[in-house]
PDB file of N, CA and C in Angstrom:
ATOM      1  N   MET A   1       6.677   8.283  -4.913  1.00  0.00           N
ATOM      2  CA  MET A   1       6.613   7.258  -5.035  1.00  0.00           C
ATOM      3  C   MET A   1       5.255   6.546  -6.419  1.00  0.00           C
ATOM      4  N   LYS A   2       5.364   6.075  -6.899  1.00  0.00           N
ATOM      5  CA  LYS A   2       4.091   5.648  -7.999  1.00  0.00           C
ATOM      6  C   LYS A   2       3.779   4.078  -7.773  1.00  0.00           C
ATOM      7  N   TRP A   3       2.536   4.071  -8.545  1.00  0.00           N
ATOM      8  CA  TRP A   3       2.119   2.393  -7.931  1.00  0.00           C
ATOM      9  C   TRP A   3       3.125   1.388  -8.151  1.00  0.00           C
ATOM     10  N   THR A   4       3.711   1.782  -9.451  1.00  0.00           N
ATOM     11  CA  THR A   4       4.497   0.563  -9.415  1.00  0.00           C
ATOM     12  C   THR A   4       6.109   0.094  -8.255  1.00  0.00           C
ATOM     13  N   ASP A   5       5.911   1.362  -7.708  1.00  0.00           N
ATOM     14  CA  ASP A   5       6.801   1.064  -6.474  1.00  0.00           C
ATOM     15  C   ASP A   5       6.659   0.192  -5.303  1.00  0.00           C
ATOM     16  N   ILE A   6       5.949  -0.472  -5.550  1.00  0.00           N
ATOM     17  CA  ILE A   6       5.585  -1.658  -4.626  1.00  0.00           C
ATOM     18  C   ILE A   6       6.047  -2.149  -3.245  1.00  0.00           C
ATOM     19  N   LEU A   7       7.265  -2.297  -3.570  1.00  0.00           N
ATOM     20  CA  LEU A   7       7.997  -2.812  -2.112  1.00  0.00           C
ATOM     21  C   LEU A   7       8.213  -1.121  -0.929  1.00  0.00           C
ATOM     22  N   ASP A   8       8.512   0.162  -1.725  1.00  0.00           N
ATOM     23  CA  ASP A   8       8.358   0.937  -1.472  1.00  0.00           C
ATOM     24  C   ASP A   8       7.223   1.421  -0.473  1.00  0.00           C
ATOM     25  N   ILE A   9       6.208   1.503  -1.226  1.00  0.00           N
ATOM     26  CA  ILE A   9       4.983   1.811  -0.963  1.00  0.00           C
ATOM     27  C   ILE A   9       4.584   0.688   0.193  1.00  0.00           C
ATOM     28  N   ALA A  10       4.899  -0.877   0.749  1.00  0.00           N
ATOM     29  CA  ALA A  10       5.189  -1.686   1.573  1.00  0.00           C
ATOM     30  C   ALA A  10       5.429  -0.891   2.728  1.00  0.00           C
ATOM     31  N   ILE A  11       6.899  -0.686   2.733  1.00  0.00           N
ATOM     32  CA  ILE A  11       7.497   0.156   3.592  1.00  0.00           C
ATOM     33  C   ILE A  11       6.808   0.847   4.390  1.00  0.00           C
ATOM     34  N   ALA A  12       6.784   2.067   3.671  1.00  0.00           N
ATOM     35  CA  ALA A  12       5.883   3.212   4.115  1.00  0.00           C
ATOM     36  C   ALA A  12       4.804   2.564   4.942  1.00  0.00           C
ATOM     37  N   LEU A  13       3.399   1.770   4.399  1.00  0.00           N
ATOM     38  CA  LEU A  13       2.424   1.324   4.863  1.00  0.00           C
ATOM     39  C   LEU A  13       2.878   0.813   6.271  1.00  0.00           C
ATOM     40  N   GLU A  14       4.009  -0.005   6.536  1.00  0.00           N
ATOM     41  CA  GLU A  14       4.075  -0.569   7.668  1.00  0.00           C
ATOM     42  C   GLU A  14       4.940   0.583   8.850  1.00  0.00           C
ATOM     43  N   GLU A  15       5.347   1.699   8.271  1.00  0.00           N
ATOM     44  CA  GLU A  15       6.138   2.889   8.934  1.00  0.00           C
ATOM     45  C   GLU A  15       5.090   3.514   9.416  1.00  0.00           C
ATOM     46  N   THR A  16       3.622   3.478   8.903  1.00  0.00           N
ATOM     47  CA  THR A  16       3.150   4.499   8.981  1.00  0.00           C
ATOM     48  C   THR A  16       1.802   3.865   9.717  1.00  0.00           C
ATOM     49  N   HIS A  17       1.210   2.421   9.532  1.00  0.00           N
ATOM     50  CA  HIS A  17      -0.094   1.791   9.828  1.00  0.00           C
ATOM     51  C   HIS A  17       0.717   0.276  10.489  1.00  0.00           C
ATOM     52  N   PRO A  18       1.678   0.287  11.569  1.00  0.00           N
ATOM     53  CA  PRO A  18       2.209  -0.496  12.205  1.00  0.00           C
ATOM     54  C   PRO A  18       1.250  -1.685  12.838  1.00  0.00           C
ATOM     55  N   ASP A  19       0.140  -1.057  13.415  1.00  0.00           N
ATOM     56  CA  ASP A  19      -0.598  -2.015  13.729  1.00  0.00           C
ATOM     57  C   ASP A  19      -1.930  -2.141  13.173  1.00  0.00           C
ATOM     58  N   ALA A  20      -1.646  -1.717  11.814  1.00  0.00           N
ATOM     59  CA  ALA A  20      -3.004  -2.490  11.088  1.00  0.00           C
ATOM     60  C   ALA A  20      -3.160  -3.724  10.773  1.00  0.00           C
ATOM     61  N   ASP A  21      -4.377  -4.337  10.473  1.00  0.00           N
ATOM     62  CA  ASP A  21      -4.533  -5.881  10.357  1.00  0.00           C
ATOM     63  C   ASP A  21      -4.356  -6.153   8.588  1.00  0.00           C
ATOM     64  N   ASN A  22      -2.955  -6.159   8.005  1.00  0.00           N
ATOM     65  CA  ASN A  22      -2.693  -5.926   6.533  1.00  0.00           C
ATOM     66  C   ASN A  22      -3.297  -7.338   5.777  1.00  0.00           C
ATOM     67  N   VAL A  23      -3.664  -8.208   6.558  1.00  0.00           N
ATOM     68  CA  VAL A  23      -3.852  -9.644   5.765  1.00  0.00           C
ATOM     69  C   VAL A  23      -5.342  -9.530   5.809  1.00  0.00           C
ATOM     70  N   ASN A  24      -6.282  -9.005   6.415  1.00  0.00           N
ATOM     71  CA  ASN A  24      -8.082  -8.651   6.404  1.00  0.00           C
ATOM     72  C   ASN A  24      -8.154  -6.889   6.315  1.00  0.00           C
ATOM     73  N   LEU A  25      -7.888  -6.719   5.144  1.00  0.00           N
ATOM     74  CA  LEU A  25      -7.600  -5.378   4.824  1.00  0.00           C
ATOM     75  C   LEU A  25      -8.338  -4.849   3.800  1.00  0.00           C
ATOM     76  N   ARG A  26      -9.536  -4.293   3.244  1.00  0.00           N
ATOM     77  CA  ARG A  26     -10.427  -3.525   2.046  1.00  0.00           C
ATOM     78  C   ARG A  26      -9.496  -2.897   1.566  1.00  0.00           C
ATOM     79  N   TYR A  27      -9.665  -3.027  -0.055  1.00  0.00           N
ATOM     80  CA  TYR A  27      -8.675  -2.524  -0.691  1.00  0.00           C
ATOM     81  C   TYR A  27      -9.087  -1.224  -0.760  1.00  0.00           C
ATOM     82  N   THR A  28     -10.373  -0.699  -0.711  1.00  0.00           N
ATOM     83  CA  THR A  28     -10.517   0.835  -0.479  1.00  0.00           C
ATOM     84  C   THR A  28      -9.564   1.425   0.578  1.00  0.00           C
ATOM     85  N   ASP A  29      -9.528   0.842   1.666  1.00  0.00           N
ATOM     86  CA  ASP A  29      -9.164   1.237   2.496  1.00  0.00           C
ATOM     87  C   ASP A  29      -7.062   1.228   2.405  1.00  0.00           C
ATOM     88  N   LEU A  30      -6.840   0.174   1.616  1.00  0.00           N
ATOM     89  CA  LEU A  30      -5.403   0.589   1.289  1.00  0.00           C
ATOM     90  C   LEU A  30      -5.374   1.127   0.740  1.00  0.00           C
ATOM     91  N   HIS A  31      -5.990   1.824  -0.476  1.00  0.00           N
ATOM     92  CA  HIS A  31      -5.840   2.689  -1.691  1.00  0.00           C
ATOM     93  C   HIS A  31      -6.062   3.750  -1.051  1.00  0.00           C
ATOM     94  N   ALA A  32      -7.075   4.416  -0.221  1.00  0.00           N
ATOM     95  CA  ALA A  32      -6.557   5.502   0.564  1.00  0.00           C
ATOM     96  C   ALA A  32      -5.612   5.905   1.431  1.00  0.00           C
ATOM     97  N   TRP A  33      -5.109   4.935   2.254  1.00  0.00           N
ATOM     98  CA  TRP A  33      -3.857   4.857   2.895  1.00  0.00           C
ATOM     99  C   TRP A  33      -2.437   5.242   1.724  1.00  0.00           C
ATOM    100  N   VAL A  34      -2.301   4.599   1.060  1.00  0.00           N
ATOM    101  CA  VAL A  34      -1.578   4.538  -0.128  1.00  0.00           C
ATOM    102  C   VAL A  34      -1.115   6.154  -0.253  1.00  0.00           C
ATOM    103  N   CYS A  35      -2.412   6.556  -1.133  1.00  0.00           N
ATOM    104  CA  CYS A  35      -3.055   7.648  -1.706  1.00  0.00           C
ATOM    105  C   CYS A  35      -2.487   8.977  -0.293  1.00  0.00           C
ATOM    106  N   ALA A  36      -2.438   8.800   0.678  1.00  0.00           N
ATOM    107  CA  ALA A  36      -2.076   9.774   1.850  1.00  0.00           C
ATOM    108  C   ALA A  36      -0.745   9.300   2.144  1.00  0.00           C
ATOM    109  N   LEU A  37       0.391   8.636   1.888  1.00  0.00           N
ATOM    110  CA  LEU A  37       1.478   8.656   1.894  1.00  0.00           C
ATOM    111  C   LEU A  37       1.811  10.112   1.446  1.00  0.00           C
ATOM    112  N   ALA A  38       3.155  10.733   2.302  1.00  0.00           N
ATOM    113  CA  ALA A  38       3.868  11.972   2.453  1.00  0.00           C
ATOM    114  C   ALA A  38       4.397  11.215   0.389  1.00  0.00           C
ATOM    115  N   ASP A  39       5.329  10.938   0.537  1.00  0.00           N
ATOM    116  CA  ASP A  39       5.989  10.418  -0.516  1.00  0.00           C
ATOM    117  C   ASP A  39       5.426   9.815  -2.023  1.00  0.00           C
ATOM    118  N   PHE A  40       3.928   9.262  -1.680  1.00  0.00           N
ATOM    119  CA  PHE A  40       3.472   9.044  -2.654  1.00  0.00           C
ATOM    120  C   PHE A  40       3.095  10.385  -3.665  1.00  0.00           C
ATOM    121  N   ASP A  41       2.951  10.271  -5.001  1.00  0.00           N
ATOM    122  CA  ASP A  41       2.703  11.351  -5.887  1.00  0.00           C
ATOM    123  C   ASP A  41       2.513  10.954  -7.176  1.00  0.00           C
ATOM    124  N   ASP A  42       1.204   9.501  -7.406  1.00  0.00           N
ATOM    125  CA  ASP A  42       1.051   9.409  -8.469  1.00  0.00           C
ATOM    126  C   ASP A  42      -0.788   9.517  -9.125  1.00  0.00           C
ATOM    127  N   ASP A  43      -1.466   9.362 -10.036  1.00  0.00           N
ATOM    128  CA  ASP A  43      -2.404   9.525 -10.043  1.00  0.00           C
ATOM    129  C   ASP A  43      -3.465   8.453  -9.602  1.00  0.00           C
ATOM    130  N   PRO A  44      -4.234   8.887  -8.433  1.00  0.00           N
ATOM    131  CA  PRO A  44      -5.368   7.841  -7.663  1.00  0.00           C
ATOM    132  C   PRO A  44      -6.342   6.956  -8.486  1.00  0.00           C
ATOM    133  N   GLN A  45      -6.465   7.251  -9.586  1.00  0.00           N
ATOM    134  CA  GLN A  45      -6.692   6.234 -10.913  1.00  0.00           C
ATOM    135  C   GLN A  45      -6.398   5.492 -11.590  1.00  0.00           C
ATOM    136  N   LYS A  46      -4.898   5.052 -11.525  1.00  0.00           N
ATOM    137  CA  LYS A  46      -3.897   4.478 -11.756  1.00  0.00           C
ATOM    138  C   LYS A  46      -4.059   3.438 -11.476  1.00  0.00           C
ATOM    139  N   SER A  47      -4.703   3.058 -10.242  1.00  0.00           N
ATOM    140  CA  SER A  47      -4.555   1.846  -9.096  1.00  0.00           C
ATOM    141  C   SER A  47      -5.503   0.799 -10.138  1.00  0.00           C
ATOM    142  N   ASN A  48      -5.445  -0.288  -9.569  1.00  0.00           N
ATOM    143  CA  ASN A  48      -6.711  -1.252 -10.048  1.00  0.00           C
ATOM    144  C   ASN A  48      -6.157  -2.431  -8.910  1.00  0.00           C
ATOM    145  N   GLU A  49      -7.226  -3.633  -9.068  1.00  0.00           N
ATOM    146  CA  GLU A  49      -7.018  -4.553  -7.772  1.00  0.00           C
ATOM    147  C   GLU A  49      -5.697  -5.423  -8.031  1.00  0.00           C
ATOM    148  N   LYS A  50      -5.039  -5.766  -9.076  1.00  0.00           N
ATOM    149  CA  LYS A  50      -3.976  -6.392  -9.161  1.00  0.00           C
ATOM    150  C   LYS A  50      -2.675  -5.794  -8.553  1.00  0.00           C
ATOM    151  N   ILE A  51      -2.753  -4.334  -8.672  1.00  0.00           N
ATOM    152  CA  ILE A  51      -1.682  -3.629  -8.121  1.00  0.00           C
ATOM    153  C   ILE A  51      -1.878  -3.758  -6.499  1.00  0.00           C
ATOM    154  N   LEU A  52      -3.118  -3.215  -5.921  1.00  0.00           N
ATOM    155  CA  LEU A  52      -3.364  -3.188  -4.630  1.00  0.00           C
ATOM    156  C   LEU A  52      -3.015  -5.090  -3.864  1.00  0.00           C
ATOM    157  N   GLU A  53      -3.504  -5.523  -4.777  1.00  0.00           N
ATOM    158  CA  GLU A  53      -2.734  -6.881  -4.408  1.00  0.00           C
ATOM    159  C   GLU A  53      -1.651  -7.391  -4.019  1.00  0.00           C
ATOM    160  N   ALA A  54      -0.901  -6.954  -4.704  1.00  0.00           N
ATOM    161  CA  ALA A  54       0.716  -7.126  -4.864  1.00  0.00           C
ATOM    162  C   ALA A  54       1.163  -5.757  -3.661  1.00  0.00           C
ATOM    163  N   ILE A  55       0.777  -4.962  -3.577  1.00  0.00           N
ATOM    164  CA  ILE A  55       0.818  -3.959  -2.226  1.00  0.00           C
ATOM    165  C   ILE A  55       0.663  -4.776  -1.354  1.00  0.00           C
ATOM    166  N   GLN A  56      -0.718  -5.283  -0.744  1.00  0.00           N
ATOM    167  CA  GLN A  56      -0.542  -5.998   0.138  1.00  0.00           C
ATOM    168  C   GLN A  56      -0.016  -7.126   0.274  1.00  0.00           C
ATOM    169  N   MET A  57       0.368  -8.170  -0.544  1.00  0.00           N
ATOM    170  CA  MET A  57       1.346  -9.115   0.030  1.00  0.00           C
ATOM    171  C   MET A  57       2.671  -8.844   0.020  1.00  0.00           C
ATOM    172  N   ALA A  58       3.351  -7.494  -0.568  1.00  0.00           N
ATOM    173  CA  ALA A  58       4.316  -7.320  -0.218  1.00  0.00           C
ATOM    174  C   ALA A  58       4.587  -6.698   1.261  1.00  0.00           C
ATOM    175  N   TRP A  59       3.334  -6.023   1.523  1.00  0.00           N
ATOM    176  CA  TRP A  59       3.360  -5.113   3.240  1.00  0.00           C
ATOM    177  C   TRP A  59       2.966  -6.609   4.063  1.00  0.00           C
ATOM    178  N   ILE A  60       2.998  -7.904   4.134  1.00  0.00           N
ATOM    179  CA  ILE A  60       3.067  -8.997   4.661  1.00  0.00           C
ATOM    180  C   ILE A  60       3.735  -9.487   4.522  1.00  0.00           C
ATOM    181  N   ASP A  61       4.828  -9.516   3.372  1.00  0.00           N
ATOM    182  CA  ASP A  61       5.847  -9.873   3.395  1.00  0.00           C
ATOM    183  C   ASP A  61       7.286  -9.226   4.476  1.00  0.00           C
ATOM    184  N   GLU A  62       6.865  -7.915   4.414  1.00  0.00           N
ATOM    185  CA  GLU A  62       7.659  -6.716   4.858  1.00  0.00           C
ATOM    186  C   GLU A  62       7.585  -7.077   6.411  1.00  0.00           C
ATOM    187  N   ARG A  63       6.185  -6.931   7.133  1.00  0.00           N
ATOM    188  CA  ARG A  63       6.045  -7.537   8.258  1.00  0.00           C
ATOM    189  C   ARG A  63       6.583  -8.578   9.194  1.00  0.00           C
ATOM    190  N   ASP A  64       6.605  -9.834   8.253  1.00  0.00           N
ATOM    191  CA  ASP A  64       7.201 -11.082   8.645  1.00  0.00           C
ATOM    192  C   ASP A  64       8.363 -10.997   8.291  1.00  0.00           C
TER     193      ASP A  64
END
């Protein structure tokens, strides 16, 4: 997965962190969790606040 695979990342985060409070989430934690995903293979420095916010919103939608 790359940073642009927003939905795939959101699904993987829900599977690996089902009890996480994904609404009140620090982007530093979100960044670390994405980078730690087994299928994630992108440069950690390529993320930004806009990407992390999109991942968070997709994760919230995935949970609902």
